[in-house]
Protein backbone atom coordinates (compact mmCIF):
# COMPACT_ATOMS: atom_id res chain seq x y z
CA MET A 1 -24.59 -17.48 -10.65
CA THR A 2 -25.99 -15.08 -8.03
CA SER A 3 -24.31 -12.86 -5.45
CA LYS A 4 -25.43 -15.29 -2.75
CA SER A 5 -24.22 -18.43 -4.49
CA LEU A 6 -20.81 -17.01 -5.49
CA ARG A 7 -18.18 -18.13 -2.98
CA ILE A 8 -15.31 -15.65 -2.65
CA ALA A 9 -12.33 -16.05 -0.33
CA ILE A 10 -9.85 -13.22 0.18
CA ILE A 11 -6.52 -14.41 1.55
CA GLY A 12 -4.87 -11.58 3.45
CA GLY A 13 -6.46 -8.99 5.72
CA GLY A 14 -4.33 -5.97 4.90
CA ILE A 15 -5.31 -2.92 2.87
CA ALA A 16 -5.74 -4.82 -0.41
CA GLY A 17 -7.86 -7.60 1.08
CA THR A 18 -10.18 -5.42 3.15
CA ALA A 19 -10.53 -2.95 0.27
CA ALA A 20 -11.69 -5.81 -1.96
CA ALA A 21 -14.22 -6.92 0.66
CA ASN A 22 -15.67 -3.40 0.80
CA ALA A 23 -15.78 -2.99 -2.96
CA LEU A 24 -17.67 -6.27 -3.28
CA LYS A 25 -19.97 -5.51 -0.36
CA VAL A 26 -21.41 -2.36 -1.95
CA ARG A 27 -22.30 -4.50 -4.96
CA GLY A 28 -24.15 -6.97 -2.75
CA ILE A 29 -21.44 -9.62 -3.03
CA ARG A 30 -20.13 -11.37 0.07
CA ALA A 31 -16.43 -12.12 0.45
CA ASP A 32 -14.78 -13.75 3.46
CA VAL A 33 -11.40 -12.41 4.51
CA TYR A 34 -8.83 -14.80 5.98
CA GLU A 35 -5.92 -13.26 7.88
CA GLN A 36 -2.99 -15.30 9.17
CA ALA A 37 -2.27 -13.05 12.17
CA SER A 38 -4.17 -12.99 15.44
CA GLU A 39 -5.50 -9.51 14.70
CA PHE A 40 -6.02 -7.16 11.79
CA ALA A 41 -3.14 -4.72 12.10
CA GLU A 42 -1.02 -2.52 9.86
CA VAL A 43 2.42 -1.06 10.41
CA GLY A 44 4.59 1.19 8.30
CA ALA A 45 4.64 4.84 7.40
CA GLY A 46 2.18 7.58 6.68
CA ILE A 47 0.99 7.79 3.09
CA GLY A 48 -0.86 10.15 0.81
CA LEU A 49 -4.19 8.79 -0.43
CA ARG A 50 -4.67 10.13 -3.94
CA PRO A 51 -8.02 11.28 -5.40
CA PRO A 52 -8.73 8.05 -7.35
CA SER A 53 -8.39 6.13 -4.07
CA VAL A 54 -10.41 8.69 -2.11
CA ASN A 55 -13.16 8.30 -4.71
CA CYS A 56 -13.22 4.56 -3.94
CA PHE A 57 -13.88 5.31 -0.27
CA LYS A 58 -16.75 7.55 -1.38
CA LYS A 59 -18.23 4.73 -3.47
CA TRP A 60 -17.88 2.32 -0.58
CA GLY A 61 -19.64 4.63 1.90
CA LEU A 62 -16.47 5.17 3.94
CA TYR A 63 -15.56 8.75 3.12
CA ASP A 64 -16.93 10.28 6.32
CA ALA A 65 -14.89 7.82 8.36
CA LEU A 66 -11.83 8.50 6.21
CA GLU A 67 -12.15 12.25 6.59
CA LYS A 68 -12.00 11.93 10.39
CA VAL A 69 -8.50 10.43 10.25
CA THR A 70 -6.96 12.31 7.30
CA SER A 71 -6.00 15.84 6.38
CA ARG A 72 -5.84 17.38 2.94
CA SER A 73 -2.40 18.21 1.55
CA ASP A 74 -1.99 20.50 -1.44
CA LEU A 75 1.80 20.69 -1.70
CA MET A 76 4.96 18.63 -1.40
CA GLU A 77 8.50 19.91 -0.94
CA ILE A 78 11.94 18.51 -1.69
CA ILE A 79 14.55 20.13 0.53
CA GLN A 80 18.33 19.98 0.71
CA GLY A 81 20.07 20.38 4.05
CA ASP A 82 17.77 21.77 6.70
CA ASP A 83 16.19 24.59 4.77
CA GLN A 84 17.10 24.86 1.07
CA VAL A 85 13.79 24.24 -0.72
CA LEU A 86 14.60 22.79 -4.12
CA ILE A 87 11.03 22.02 -5.21
CA ARG A 88 7.67 23.15 -3.89
CA GLU A 89 5.01 21.53 -6.03
CA SER A 90 1.29 20.82 -6.06
CA TRP A 91 0.11 17.21 -6.15
CA PRO A 92 -0.67 15.91 -9.66
CA VAL A 93 -4.20 15.62 -11.00
CA LEU A 94 -5.01 11.94 -11.55
CA THR A 95 -8.75 12.18 -12.25
CA ASP A 96 -10.95 14.01 -14.77
CA ASP A 97 -11.56 16.72 -12.16
CA LYS A 98 -8.86 19.38 -12.57
CA THR A 99 -9.40 20.53 -8.97
CA ASP A 100 -8.21 17.16 -7.66
CA ALA A 101 -4.63 18.34 -7.09
CA TYR A 102 -4.33 17.01 -3.56
CA ALA A 103 -3.68 14.03 -1.34
CA ARG A 104 -5.14 13.08 2.01
CA LEU A 105 -2.34 12.31 4.47
CA ILE A 106 -2.97 9.30 6.70
CA HIS A 107 -1.16 6.53 8.53
CA ARG A 108 -1.48 3.06 7.00
CA ALA A 109 -3.01 1.74 10.24
CA ASP A 110 -5.83 4.28 9.97
CA VAL A 111 -6.46 3.25 6.35
CA LEU A 112 -6.82 -0.36 7.45
CA ASP A 113 -9.01 0.49 10.44
CA THR A 114 -11.33 2.49 8.19
CA LEU A 115 -11.60 -0.38 5.72
CA ILE A 116 -12.21 -2.96 8.45
CA SER A 117 -15.02 -0.83 9.84
CA GLY A 118 -16.91 -1.41 6.60
CA VAL A 119 -16.65 -5.22 6.59
CA PRO A 120 -19.22 -7.24 8.58
CA ALA A 121 -17.57 -8.99 11.52
CA ASP A 122 -18.76 -12.44 10.44
CA GLN A 123 -16.72 -12.07 7.23
CA LEU A 124 -13.42 -11.48 9.05
CA HIS A 125 -11.42 -14.56 10.09
CA ILE A 126 -8.13 -14.31 12.01
CA ASN A 127 -5.56 -17.05 12.69
CA HIS A 128 -5.96 -18.50 9.20
CA ARG A 129 -2.55 -19.02 7.60
CA LEU A 130 -2.78 -20.59 4.16
CA THR A 131 -0.60 -23.64 3.70
CA GLU A 132 -1.90 -24.99 0.40
CA ILE A 133 -4.11 -23.96 -2.49
CA LYS A 134 -5.37 -26.23 -5.26
CA ASP A 135 -6.93 -24.88 -8.43
CA HIS A 136 -9.48 -27.38 -9.74
CA GLY A 137 -10.40 -25.31 -12.80
CA THR A 138 -13.92 -24.35 -11.80
CA TYR A 139 -13.22 -23.79 -8.11
CA SER A 140 -10.26 -23.68 -5.74
CA GLU A 141 -9.59 -25.45 -2.47
CA VAL A 142 -7.69 -23.73 0.34
CA THR A 143 -6.09 -25.40 3.34
CA PHE A 144 -5.07 -23.46 6.45
CA ALA A 145 -2.52 -24.28 9.13
CA ASN A 146 -5.31 -24.54 11.73
CA GLY A 147 -6.74 -27.52 9.84
CA LYS A 148 -9.65 -25.72 8.21
CA LYS A 149 -10.38 -26.24 4.52
CA ILE A 150 -12.62 -24.15 2.30
CA GLU A 151 -13.72 -24.15 -1.31
CA ALA A 152 -14.27 -20.97 -3.32
CA ASP A 153 -15.37 -20.00 -6.80
CA ILE A 154 -12.92 -17.08 -6.61
CA VAL A 155 -9.81 -16.76 -4.47
CA ILE A 156 -8.36 -13.26 -4.22
CA ALA A 157 -4.70 -13.41 -3.22
CA ALA A 158 -4.02 -10.33 -1.11
CA ASP A 159 -1.15 -12.01 0.69
CA GLY A 160 1.65 -9.59 -0.01
CA ILE A 161 4.99 -9.38 -1.75
CA ARG A 162 5.99 -12.91 -0.65
CA SER A 163 2.59 -14.34 -1.60
CA PRO A 164 2.37 -18.10 -1.00
CA ILE A 165 -0.53 -18.27 -3.45
CA ARG A 166 1.50 -16.61 -6.20
CA THR A 167 4.35 -19.04 -5.61
CA GLN A 168 2.14 -22.14 -5.58
CA ILE A 169 0.05 -21.19 -8.61
CA PHE A 170 2.24 -18.96 -10.80
CA GLY A 171 5.75 -20.01 -9.81
CA GLN A 172 8.59 -18.28 -8.03
CA HIS A 173 8.83 -14.50 -8.29
CA ASP A 174 11.43 -13.40 -5.79
CA PRO A 175 11.32 -9.89 -4.32
CA ILE A 176 14.00 -7.57 -5.71
CA TYR A 177 16.04 -5.71 -3.10
CA SER A 178 16.64 -2.05 -3.95
CA GLY A 179 19.80 -1.77 -1.89
CA TYR A 180 18.03 0.56 0.55
CA LEU A 181 16.64 0.20 4.04
CA ALA A 182 13.77 2.27 5.41
CA HIS A 183 13.89 3.35 9.06
CA ARG A 184 10.32 4.24 10.10
CA VAL A 185 8.87 5.71 13.26
CA LEU A 186 6.02 7.90 14.47
CA ILE A 187 6.96 10.85 16.64
CA PRO A 188 4.93 13.57 18.39
CA PHE A 189 4.65 16.71 16.29
CA GLU A 190 6.83 18.74 18.66
CA ASP A 191 9.65 16.18 18.37
CA ALA A 192 10.05 17.12 14.69
CA LEU A 193 11.80 20.28 15.98
CA GLY A 194 9.93 22.57 13.61
CA MET A 195 10.98 20.66 10.49
CA SER A 196 7.52 19.29 9.74
CA SER A 197 4.91 21.62 8.33
CA GLU A 198 1.69 22.54 10.08
CA GLU A 199 0.33 23.22 6.59
CA ASN A 200 0.10 19.48 5.90
CA ILE A 201 2.97 19.56 3.46
CA LEU A 202 4.89 16.35 2.90
CA ARG A 203 8.56 17.27 3.10
CA ILE A 204 11.31 15.12 1.65
CA TYR A 205 14.83 16.07 2.67
CA VAL A 206 17.46 14.74 0.26
CA ASP A 207 21.12 13.84 0.39
CA GLY A 208 22.02 12.58 -3.08
CA ASP A 209 19.73 9.55 -3.55
CA ASN A 210 19.08 9.22 0.18
CA SER A 211 15.86 10.67 1.55
CA PHE A 212 14.31 11.67 4.87
CA TYR A 213 10.51 11.91 4.77
CA LEU A 214 8.52 13.96 7.28
CA LEU A 215 4.81 13.41 6.70
CA PRO A 216 2.52 15.29 9.11
CA LEU A 217 -0.46 13.41 10.52
CA GLU A 218 -2.58 16.27 11.82
CA LYS A 219 -5.38 14.14 13.27
CA ARG A 220 -2.87 12.08 15.27
CA LYS A 221 -0.73 15.10 16.25
CA GLN A 222 2.19 13.02 15.01
CA VAL A 223 4.76 13.01 12.23
CA SER A 224 5.59 9.90 10.20
CA VAL A 225 9.35 9.68 9.75
CA ASP A 226 10.79 7.55 6.94
CA ILE A 227 14.56 7.53 6.42
CA THR A 228 15.72 5.77 3.25
CA VAL A 229 19.44 4.96 3.15
CA PRO A 230 21.67 2.18 1.76
CA GLY A 231 22.09 -0.94 3.86
CA GLU A 232 22.66 -4.69 3.83
CA PHE A 233 19.63 -6.87 3.11
CA ALA A 234 17.74 -8.68 5.86
CA TRP A 235 14.00 -9.14 6.22
CA ARG A 236 14.29 -7.97 9.83
CA PRO A 237 17.46 -5.87 10.00
CA GLU A 238 18.89 -5.22 13.46
CA LEU A 239 20.94 -2.04 13.57
CA THR A 240 22.43 -0.14 16.47
CA LYS A 241 21.59 3.51 17.04
CA GLU A 242 25.19 4.34 16.12
CA GLN A 243 24.80 2.60 12.74
CA ILE A 244 21.61 4.52 12.00
CA MET A 245 23.19 7.82 12.99
CA GLU A 246 26.22 7.07 10.82
CA SER A 247 23.96 6.47 7.81
CA ILE A 248 22.37 9.94 8.03
CA THR A 249 25.48 12.11 8.36
CA GLY A 250 24.71 13.70 4.98
CA PHE A 251 21.49 15.26 6.28
CA GLY A 252 21.23 18.55 8.14
CA PRO A 253 22.01 18.88 11.86
CA THR A 254 18.37 19.34 12.89
CA LEU A 255 17.31 16.14 11.13
CA GLN A 256 20.17 14.30 12.82
CA LYS A 257 19.01 15.70 16.18
CA ILE A 258 15.47 14.40 15.53
CA VAL A 259 16.81 10.87 15.06
CA GLU A 260 19.22 11.16 17.97
CA ASN A 261 16.26 11.86 20.25
CA ILE A 262 14.26 8.79 19.11
CA PRO A 263 14.62 5.61 21.21
CA LEU A 264 16.07 2.79 19.11
CA GLU A 265 13.25 0.43 20.13
CA ASP A 266 10.71 2.76 18.47
CA ILE A 267 12.35 2.51 15.05
CA VAL A 268 11.20 -0.21 12.64
CA THR A 269 13.70 -1.01 9.89
CA ARG A 270 12.70 -2.88 6.75
CA PRO A 271 14.38 -3.60 3.38
CA LEU A 272 12.82 -1.83 0.41
CA CYS A 273 11.86 -4.50 -2.13
CA ASP A 274 9.62 -4.74 -5.16
CA LEU A 275 8.75 -7.23 -7.89
CA GLU A 276 9.46 -7.32 -11.58
CA PRO A 277 6.17 -7.11 -13.54
CA ILE A 278 4.44 -10.48 -13.53
CA SER A 279 3.14 -11.82 -16.85
CA LYS A 280 0.08 -13.58 -15.44
CA TRP A 281 -2.06 -12.68 -12.42
CA SER A 282 -5.10 -14.93 -12.85
CA THR A 283 -6.36 -18.43 -13.51
CA ASN A 284 -10.04 -19.26 -14.01
CA THR A 285 -10.61 -19.06 -10.23
CA ILE A 286 -7.64 -17.26 -8.64
CA THR A 287 -6.35 -13.71 -9.00
CA LEU A 288 -3.67 -11.55 -7.41
CA ILE A 289 -4.22 -8.10 -5.95
CA GLY A 290 -2.03 -5.40 -4.40
CA ASP A 291 1.55 -6.30 -3.49
CA ALA A 292 1.00 -9.93 -4.44
CA ALA A 293 0.49 -8.75 -8.03
CA HIS A 294 2.72 -5.69 -8.33
CA ALA A 295 4.74 -4.80 -5.23
CA MET A 296 6.55 -1.50 -5.72
CA LEU A 297 8.93 0.74 -3.83
CA HIS A 298 7.58 3.53 -1.67
CA ASN A 299 9.04 6.44 -3.62
CA GLN A 300 5.86 7.55 -5.38
CA GLY A 301 3.63 6.55 -2.48
CA GLN A 302 1.42 4.49 -4.76
CA GLY A 303 1.54 0.95 -3.32
CA ALA A 304 -1.54 1.27 -1.11
CA ASN A 305 -3.27 3.48 -3.67
CA MET A 306 -2.85 0.86 -6.39
CA ALA A 307 -4.20 -1.86 -4.07
CA ILE A 308 -7.30 0.20 -3.28
CA GLN A 309 -7.92 0.91 -6.95
CA ASP A 310 -7.31 -2.75 -7.82
CA ALA A 311 -10.12 -3.64 -5.43
CA GLU A 312 -12.64 -1.35 -7.12
CA VAL A 313 -11.83 -2.59 -10.63
CA LEU A 314 -11.85 -6.23 -9.52
CA ALA A 315 -15.20 -5.90 -7.75
CA GLU A 316 -16.77 -4.23 -10.76
CA ALA A 317 -15.44 -7.03 -12.99
CA ILE A 318 -16.78 -9.74 -10.65
CA SER A 319 -20.20 -8.08 -10.65
CA GLU A 320 -20.45 -9.00 -14.33
CA ALA A 321 -20.23 -12.68 -13.39
CA VAL A 322 -23.08 -12.16 -10.94
CA ALA A 323 -25.06 -10.40 -13.66
CA GLY A 324 -24.44 -13.35 -15.96
CA THR A 325 -22.84 -11.27 -18.71
CA LYS A 326 -19.41 -12.88 -18.30
CA THR A 327 -17.89 -15.99 -16.79
CA VAL A 328 -15.70 -15.75 -13.70
CA ALA A 329 -12.64 -16.47 -15.84
CA GLN A 330 -13.54 -13.64 -18.21
CA CYS A 331 -14.07 -11.27 -15.29
CA LEU A 332 -10.68 -12.00 -13.78
CA GLU A 333 -9.03 -11.60 -17.17
CA ASN A 334 -10.81 -8.26 -17.64
CA TYR A 335 -9.58 -7.04 -14.25
CA GLU A 336 -6.02 -8.06 -15.04
CA GLU A 337 -6.06 -6.35 -18.43
CA GLN A 338 -7.32 -3.10 -16.91
CA ARG A 339 -4.87 -2.96 -14.03
CA LYS A 340 -1.62 -4.21 -15.54
CA PRO A 341 -0.63 -1.09 -17.53
CA ILE A 342 -1.05 1.43 -14.70
CA THR A 343 0.56 -0.77 -12.05
CA LYS A 344 3.52 -1.55 -14.33
CA LEU A 345 4.00 2.19 -14.86
CA TYR A 346 4.04 2.88 -11.14
CA GLN A 347 6.38 -0.03 -10.50
CA GLU A 348 8.83 1.65 -12.87
CA LEU A 349 8.27 5.13 -11.46
CA SER A 350 8.67 3.90 -7.90
CA ARG A 351 12.28 3.01 -8.66
CA LEU A 352 13.04 6.72 -9.14
CA PHE A 353 14.33 7.97 -5.80
CA PRO A 354 13.85 11.64 -4.93
CA THR A 355 17.22 13.36 -5.31
CA ASP A 356 18.80 16.80 -5.07
CA GLN A 357 18.95 16.73 -8.89
CA ALA A 358 15.23 16.08 -9.39
CA GLU A 359 13.24 18.48 -11.54
CA THR A 360 9.88 17.42 -10.14
CA ALA A 361 8.55 15.78 -6.99
CA PHE A 362 6.15 13.81 -9.17
CA PRO A 363 7.67 12.00 -12.19
CA GLU A 364 4.18 10.64 -12.87
CA LYS A 365 3.13 14.07 -14.17
CA ALA A 366 4.86 13.25 -17.46
CA HIS A 367 2.38 10.40 -17.98
CA PHE A 368 -0.96 12.03 -17.13
């Protein structure tokens, strides 16, 4: 099997899917990305890209583009009230380079835009919503709602926490609701009322287990606000401004003023859900990646990072099929075996909410 004869379909054009396309591209392997929406777009909060993920962008030839839309952060703080700093801590080292104690702060949309810039336009297909997938053992057949059908030697399911592919092939794995809602919004830097740091420090204000993230996005001149508080489950919750304000009474007066000043229509509210670890990710022709494989809560900021790192490991494994040293089935099994332990760890760690009793901002430090 050669790189030209290998047919790869990536279902889902988010961070995981476009990362996989880039990781394969640099190895000379084509992969077509099928996105159900009418455009490639990403919503959500700002995140910290960790050094292992940044190193992937370097391998994929995208670091210069990434650097233009990110800023380096060396510290994170956990704060009680408006000003009582409980923890001020450097980011953990997750590579063999002891100087890699940093993160690059970025909005999820800018991550996706950077990844899309690396994928040839003829490999990106919008308005393709998967309705059915059939695994024939040596290849898979995919049917889309627009009537198109394709066959692929490898199907990479990057279709999110409610993955239709996972359900059809591996059975039902329902998302687990954490009991918390996340209210997210981008605001101009000045609207943070001095509470967000110009030093590119991620600040997490805590009220018991409730948290109020202010993540500065220097290149955008904005601050990503993420308020995590208890709430009733709905995939698209509709709350009044009064309900949101009532849920944050335990935070300091300046934080409450920030939210009071934000128009309700600017706030996106989503339930925080994850998955229990899944015993099997792959068949001989299909594999899961990113949230489809191991959705996790946002607390350690590792969901997008794990998806990016999945992509690099998966592409390297697939390259062995092209080289003829392993079968496709063996490659997918190898990928799964490499990624399961680390993603399971972060799924567990992500369930630890930052609190005013925390001893560290980074529980992962105990494991590395």
